[in-house]
Amino acid sequence: MRVWNKPFRGRPGRAALAVTAALALAGAAAPLALAGSSDGAAQALEAKPDLLLRTPAVPRISDGPYAGFQFCGGSAKPVVTSDSATLAATLESVAPPGTVETPASAGPRRKVAFEVDTADGTQVLRKQLTSDTSQDAAYQLPGGKLTNGDYRWRMRVKDGNTASEWTAWCAFTVRRA
């Protein structure tokens, strides 16, 4: 390192330390200044004080309320043998950083929307219900809605004016005897 026009020898002088410290502070302050100057992000947080909702996780399906679940998105498409399958997923809500999570209404209840379509995209049903917990949501399809064939379903969670993204479609097959 060269300071003034002389090669650096021995211990650094006060001027070299001051320059090094100033450069280090400027390097650390630049990203912070850039991050703080994001007006769009600040306005978005001010405009949406509600909870940020994660997309429901671990979509699964079963033959009914007491049957074991088959998970969506695996190597094999779930197969159900009942026309009243149960659809379920795990709900998770996350409060924005630096805030305390407070639901829009009293209690942990969340609105959950379910959609079921045939494999070609024809809507079979759309149902919105209120989950009794903030951890999981399940919906048992009414009997007679499903016949033999291929279907898909998805869901999302709502809290006040905020809604999560839809889960990925969960393809499944109904094979009734």
C-alpha atoms as a PDB file:
ATOM      1  CA  MET A   1       0.000   0.000   0.000  1.00  0.00           C
ATOM      2  CA  ARG A   2       1.360   3.372  -0.925  1.00  0.00           C
ATOM      3  CA  VAL A   3       0.517   6.457   1.038  1.00  0.00           C
ATOM      4  CA  TRP A   4       1.524   9.751  -0.542  1.00  0.00           C
ATOM      5  CA  ASN A   5       4.359   8.904  -2.880  1.00  0.00           C
ATOM      6  CA  LYS A   6       6.392   6.860  -0.423  1.00  0.00           C
ATOM      7  CA  PRO A   7       6.170   3.121   0.099  1.00  0.00           C
ATOM      8  CA  PHE A   8       4.559   2.092   3.377  1.00  0.00           C
ATOM      9  CA  ARG A   9       7.053   1.052   6.055  1.00  0.00           C
ATOM     10  CA  GLY A  10       6.568   0.196   9.663  1.00  0.00           C
ATOM     11  CA  ARG A  11       3.412   0.940  11.612  1.00  0.00           C
ATOM     12  CA  PRO A  12       0.646   2.835   9.865  1.00  0.00           C
ATOM     13  CA  GLY A  13       0.371   6.484  10.681  1.00  0.00           C
ATOM     14  CA  ARG A  14      -2.734   8.240  11.875  1.00  0.00           C
ATOM     15  CA  ALA A  15      -3.583   9.443   8.382  1.00  0.00           C
ATOM     16  CA  ALA A  16      -3.461   5.893   6.950  1.00  0.00           C
ATOM     17  CA  LEU A  17      -5.640   4.609   9.779  1.00  0.00           C
ATOM     18  CA  ALA A  18      -8.110   7.431   9.248  1.00  0.00           C
ATOM     19  CA  VAL A  19      -8.321   6.698   5.488  1.00  0.00           C
ATOM     20  CA  THR A  20      -8.762   2.963   6.130  1.00  0.00           C
ATOM     21  CA  ALA A  21     -11.464   3.591   8.732  1.00  0.00           C
ATOM     22  CA  ALA A  22     -13.289   6.040   6.460  1.00  0.00           C
ATOM     23  CA  LEU A  23     -13.264   3.562   3.566  1.00  0.00           C
ATOM     24  CA  ALA A  24     -14.506   0.773   5.815  1.00  0.00           C
ATOM     25  CA  LEU A  25     -17.337   2.920   7.165  1.00  0.00           C
ATOM     26  CA  ALA A  26     -18.280   4.092   3.672  1.00  0.00           C
ATOM     27  CA  GLY A  27     -18.360   0.484   2.455  1.00  0.00           C
ATOM     28  CA  ALA A  28     -20.661  -0.545   5.311  1.00  0.00           C
ATOM     29  CA  ALA A  29     -22.854   2.542   5.052  1.00  0.00           C
ATOM     30  CA  ALA A  30     -23.465   2.309   1.300  1.00  0.00           C
ATOM     31  CA  PRO A  31     -25.558  -0.901   1.414  1.00  0.00           C
ATOM     32  CA  LEU A  32     -27.414   0.406   4.453  1.00  0.00           C
ATOM     33  CA  ALA A  33     -28.184   3.665   2.690  1.00  0.00           C
ATOM     34  CA  LEU A  34     -29.345   1.818  -0.403  1.00  0.00           C
ATOM     35  CA  ALA A  35     -31.528  -0.493   1.660  1.00  0.00           C
ATOM     36  CA  GLY A  36     -33.027   2.429   3.524  1.00  0.00           C
ATOM     37  CA  SER A  37     -33.788   4.341   0.327  1.00  0.00           C
ATOM     38  CA  SER A  38     -36.247   1.730  -0.947  1.00  0.00           C
ATOM     39  CA  ASP A  39     -39.382   3.866  -0.897  1.00  0.00           C
ATOM     40  CA  GLY A  40     -41.457   1.105  -2.510  1.00  0.00           C
ATOM     41  CA  ALA A  41     -40.756  -1.370   0.286  1.00  0.00           C
ATOM     42  CA  ALA A  42     -41.474   1.195   2.992  1.00  0.00           C
ATOM     43  CA  GLN A  43     -44.731   2.221   1.318  1.00  0.00           C
ATOM     44  CA  ALA A  44     -45.734  -1.434   0.896  1.00  0.00           C
ATOM     45  CA  LEU A  45     -45.273  -2.075   4.615  1.00  0.00           C
ATOM     46  CA  GLU A  46     -47.240   1.045   5.498  1.00  0.00           C
ATOM     47  CA  ALA A  47     -50.026   0.176   3.048  1.00  0.00           C
ATOM     48  CA  LYS A  48     -50.321  -3.449   4.299  1.00  0.00           C
ATOM     49  CA  PRO A  49     -50.184  -3.528   8.088  1.00  0.00           C
ATOM     50  CA  ASP A  50     -51.896  -6.965   8.121  1.00  0.00           C
ATOM     51  CA  LEU A  51     -50.035 -10.224   8.578  1.00  0.00           C
ATOM     52  CA  LEU A  52     -47.893 -11.612   5.827  1.00  0.00           C
ATOM     53  CA  LEU A  53     -49.293 -15.062   5.164  1.00  0.00           C
ATOM     54  CA  ARG A  54     -47.252 -17.992   3.970  1.00  0.00           C
ATOM     55  CA  THR A  55     -48.639 -20.374   1.422  1.00  0.00           C
ATOM     56  CA  PRO A  56     -50.100 -23.393   3.233  1.00  0.00           C
ATOM     57  CA  ALA A  57     -47.617 -26.250   3.397  1.00  0.00           C
ATOM     58  CA  VAL A  58     -47.739 -30.033   3.159  1.00  0.00           C
ATOM     59  CA  PRO A  59     -50.952 -30.471   1.132  1.00  0.00           C
ATOM     60  CA  ARG A  60     -52.364 -33.945   1.681  1.00  0.00           C
ATOM     61  CA  ILE A  61     -55.454 -35.998   0.932  1.00  0.00           C
ATOM     62  CA  SER A  62     -57.144 -39.029   2.520  1.00  0.00           C
ATOM     63  CA  ASP A  63     -60.140 -41.307   1.978  1.00  0.00           C
ATOM     64  CA  GLY A  64     -61.890 -39.752   4.969  1.00  0.00           C
ATOM     65  CA  PRO A  65     -61.419 -38.247   8.411  1.00  0.00           C
ATOM     66  CA  TYR A  66     -59.973 -41.424   9.969  1.00  0.00           C
ATOM     67  CA  ALA A  67     -57.853 -42.692   7.076  1.00  0.00           C
ATOM     68  CA  GLY A  68     -54.148 -41.991   6.687  1.00  0.00           C
ATOM     69  CA  PHE A  69     -53.037 -39.089   4.535  1.00  0.00           C
ATOM     70  CA  GLN A  70     -51.198 -39.270   1.224  1.00  0.00           C
ATOM     71  CA  PHE A  71     -48.917 -36.332   0.531  1.00  0.00           C
ATOM     72  CA  CYS A  72     -49.080 -34.270  -2.629  1.00  0.00           C
ATOM     73  CA  GLY A  73     -46.088 -33.577  -4.826  1.00  0.00           C
ATOM     74  CA  GLY A  74     -44.406 -36.935  -4.364  1.00  0.00           C
ATOM     75  CA  SER A  75     -43.381 -39.380  -7.036  1.00  0.00           C
ATOM     76  CA  ALA A  76     -46.792 -41.107  -6.991  1.00  0.00           C
ATOM     77  CA  LYS A  77     -50.119 -39.342  -7.439  1.00  0.00           C
ATOM     78  CA  PRO A  78     -52.440 -39.926  -4.435  1.00  0.00           C
ATOM     79  CA  VAL A  79     -55.317 -42.350  -5.032  1.00  0.00           C
ATOM     80  CA  VAL A  80     -58.543 -42.208  -3.019  1.00  0.00           C
ATOM     81  CA  THR A  81     -61.348 -44.763  -3.001  1.00  0.00           C
ATOM     82  CA  SER A  82     -64.026 -42.537  -1.491  1.00  0.00           C
ATOM     83  CA  ASP A  83     -66.208 -39.832  -2.992  1.00  0.00           C
ATOM     84  CA  SER A  84     -65.826 -37.838   0.231  1.00  0.00           C
ATOM     85  CA  ALA A  85     -62.066 -37.418   0.486  1.00  0.00           C
ATOM     86  CA  THR A  86     -60.524 -35.129   3.093  1.00  0.00           C
ATOM     87  CA  LEU A  87     -58.196 -32.350   1.915  1.00  0.00           C
ATOM     88  CA  ALA A  88     -55.754 -30.820   4.398  1.00  0.00           C
ATOM     89  CA  ALA A  89     -52.692 -28.587   4.703  1.00  0.00           C
ATOM     90  CA  THR A  90     -50.602 -26.893   7.363  1.00  0.00           C
ATOM     91  CA  LEU A  91     -51.187 -23.173   7.852  1.00  0.00           C
ATOM     92  CA  GLU A  92     -48.409 -20.884   8.950  1.00  0.00           C
ATOM     93  CA  SER A  93     -48.568 -17.150   9.465  1.00  0.00           C
ATOM     94  CA  VAL A  94     -45.580 -14.903   9.857  1.00  0.00           C
ATOM     95  CA  ALA A  95     -45.667 -11.393  11.201  1.00  0.00           C
ATOM     96  CA  PRO A  96     -43.465  -8.819   9.455  1.00  0.00           C
ATOM     97  CA  PRO A  97     -39.983  -8.515  10.996  1.00  0.00           C
ATOM     98  CA  GLY A  98     -39.925  -6.343  14.088  1.00  0.00           C
ATOM     99  CA  THR A  99     -43.662  -6.651  14.814  1.00  0.00           C
ATOM    100  CA  VAL A 100     -45.719  -8.801  17.110  1.00  0.00           C
ATOM    101  CA  GLU A 101     -48.204 -11.174  15.472  1.00  0.00           C
ATOM    102  CA  THR A 102     -51.776 -10.154  16.211  1.00  0.00           C
ATOM    103  CA  PRO A 103     -54.609 -11.720  14.211  1.00  0.00           C
ATOM    104  CA  ALA A 104     -57.138  -9.409  12.544  1.00  0.00           C
ATOM    105  CA  SER A 105     -59.842 -10.970  14.728  1.00  0.00           C
ATOM    106  CA  ALA A 106     -59.797 -12.510  18.172  1.00  0.00           C
ATOM    107  CA  GLY A 107     -58.511 -16.079  18.306  1.00  0.00           C
ATOM    108  CA  PRO A 108     -56.374 -18.100  15.924  1.00  0.00           C
ATOM    109  CA  ARG A 109     -59.134 -18.591  13.326  1.00  0.00           C
ATOM    110  CA  ARG A 110     -58.246 -18.119   9.648  1.00  0.00           C
ATOM    111  CA  LYS A 111     -60.399 -18.272   6.526  1.00  0.00           C
ATOM    112  CA  VAL A 112     -59.322 -21.030   4.181  1.00  0.00           C
ATOM    113  CA  ALA A 113     -60.397 -21.373   0.537  1.00  0.00           C
ATOM    114  CA  PHE A 114     -60.380 -24.790  -1.176  1.00  0.00           C
ATOM    115  CA  GLU A 115     -60.768 -25.386  -4.918  1.00  0.00           C
ATOM    116  CA  VAL A 116     -61.312 -28.778  -6.578  1.00  0.00           C
ATOM    117  CA  ASP A 117     -61.209 -29.167 -10.363  1.00  0.00           C
ATOM    118  CA  THR A 118     -61.208 -32.051 -12.782  1.00  0.00           C
ATOM    119  CA  ALA A 119     -57.797 -32.737 -14.332  1.00  0.00           C
ATOM    120  CA  ASP A 120     -58.801 -30.690 -17.397  1.00  0.00           C
ATOM    121  CA  GLY A 121     -59.606 -27.613 -15.257  1.00  0.00           C
ATOM    122  CA  THR A 122     -63.413 -27.826 -14.931  1.00  0.00           C
ATOM    123  CA  GLN A 123     -64.356 -26.563 -11.469  1.00  0.00           C
ATOM    124  CA  VAL A 124     -66.019 -29.166  -9.253  1.00  0.00           C
ATOM    125  CA  LEU A 125     -66.350 -27.000  -6.155  1.00  0.00           C
ATOM    126  CA  ARG A 126     -65.011 -23.987  -4.337  1.00  0.00           C
ATOM    127  CA  LYS A 127     -65.441 -23.779  -0.581  1.00  0.00           C
ATOM    128  CA  GLN A 128     -64.349 -21.227   1.984  1.00  0.00           C
ATOM    129  CA  LEU A 129     -64.391 -22.165   5.644  1.00  0.00           C
ATOM    130  CA  THR A 130     -62.921 -20.938   8.875  1.00  0.00           C
ATOM    131  CA  SER A 131     -60.194 -23.022  10.455  1.00  0.00           C
ATOM    132  CA  ASP A 132     -60.522 -23.584  14.195  1.00  0.00           C
ATOM    133  CA  THR A 133     -56.735 -23.451  14.591  1.00  0.00           C
ATOM    134  CA  SER A 134     -53.958 -21.467  12.995  1.00  0.00           C
ATOM    135  CA  GLN A 135     -51.906 -24.648  12.525  1.00  0.00           C
ATOM    136  CA  ASP A 136     -53.940 -26.887  10.183  1.00  0.00           C
ATOM    137  CA  ALA A 137     -57.018 -26.775   7.995  1.00  0.00           C
ATOM    138  CA  ALA A 138     -59.009 -29.710   6.645  1.00  0.00           C
ATOM    139  CA  TYR A 139     -62.126 -30.053   4.527  1.00  0.00           C
ATOM    140  CA  GLN A 140     -64.090 -33.225   3.893  1.00  0.00           C
ATOM    141  CA  LEU A 141     -65.666 -33.128   0.454  1.00  0.00           C
ATOM    142  CA  PRO A 142     -69.412 -33.749   0.419  1.00  0.00           C
ATOM    143  CA  GLY A 143     -70.415 -37.202  -0.810  1.00  0.00           C
ATOM    144  CA  GLY A 144     -71.352 -37.481  -4.458  1.00  0.00           C
ATOM    145  CA  LYS A 145     -69.034 -34.693  -5.710  1.00  0.00           C
ATOM    146  CA  LEU A 146     -66.339 -37.044  -7.034  1.00  0.00           C
ATOM    147  CA  THR A 147     -66.683 -39.881  -9.507  1.00  0.00           C
ATOM    148  CA  ASN A 148     -63.950 -42.142 -10.882  1.00  0.00           C
ATOM    149  CA  GLY A 149     -61.302 -40.085 -12.624  1.00  0.00           C
ATOM    150  CA  ASP A 150     -58.474 -37.588 -12.233  1.00  0.00           C
ATOM    151  CA  TYR A 151     -58.813 -34.404 -10.194  1.00  0.00           C
ATOM    152  CA  ARG A 152     -56.700 -31.660  -8.687  1.00  0.00           C
ATOM    153  CA  TRP A 153     -57.103 -29.408  -5.666  1.00  0.00           C
ATOM    154  CA  ARG A 154     -55.442 -26.403  -4.053  1.00  0.00           C
ATOM    155  CA  MET A 155     -55.991 -24.014  -1.164  1.00  0.00           C
ATOM    156  CA  ARG A 156     -54.963 -20.698   0.341  1.00  0.00           C
ATOM    157  CA  VAL A 157     -55.429 -18.911   3.647  1.00  0.00           C
ATOM    158  CA  LYS A 158     -56.849 -15.450   4.316  1.00  0.00           C
ATOM    159  CA  ASP A 159     -56.620 -13.152   7.304  1.00  0.00           C
ATOM    160  CA  GLY A 160     -58.430  -9.847   6.997  1.00  0.00           C
ATOM    161  CA  ASN A 161     -57.538  -8.283   3.648  1.00  0.00           C
ATOM    162  CA  THR A 162     -54.403 -10.388   3.245  1.00  0.00           C
ATOM    163  CA  ALA A 163     -54.329 -13.711   1.405  1.00  0.00           C
ATOM    164  CA  SER A 164     -51.526 -16.176   0.843  1.00  0.00           C
ATOM    165  CA  GLU A 165     -50.558 -17.549  -2.527  1.00  0.00           C
ATOM    166  CA  TRP A 166     -52.420 -20.660  -3.661  1.00  0.00           C
ATOM    167  CA  THR A 167     -50.688 -23.960  -2.994  1.00  0.00           C
ATOM    168  CA  ALA A 168     -49.494 -25.840  -6.037  1.00  0.00           C
ATOM    169  CA  TRP A 169     -52.192 -28.020  -7.565  1.00  0.00           C
ATOM    170  CA  CYS A 170     -52.361 -31.461  -5.946  1.00  0.00           C
ATOM    171  CA  ALA A 171     -53.308 -34.032  -8.567  1.00  0.00           C
ATOM    172  CA  PHE A 172     -55.147 -37.136  -7.351  1.00  0.00           C
ATOM    173  CA  THR A 173     -57.156 -40.011  -8.765  1.00  0.00           C
ATOM    174  CA  VAL A 174     -60.504 -41.323  -7.516  1.00  0.00           C
ATOM    175  CA  ARG A 175     -60.995 -45.099  -7.938  1.00  0.00           C
ATOM    176  CA  ARG A 176     -64.249 -46.168  -6.356  1.00  0.00           C
ATOM    177  CA  ALA A 177     -65.254 -49.831  -6.414  1.00  0.00           C
END
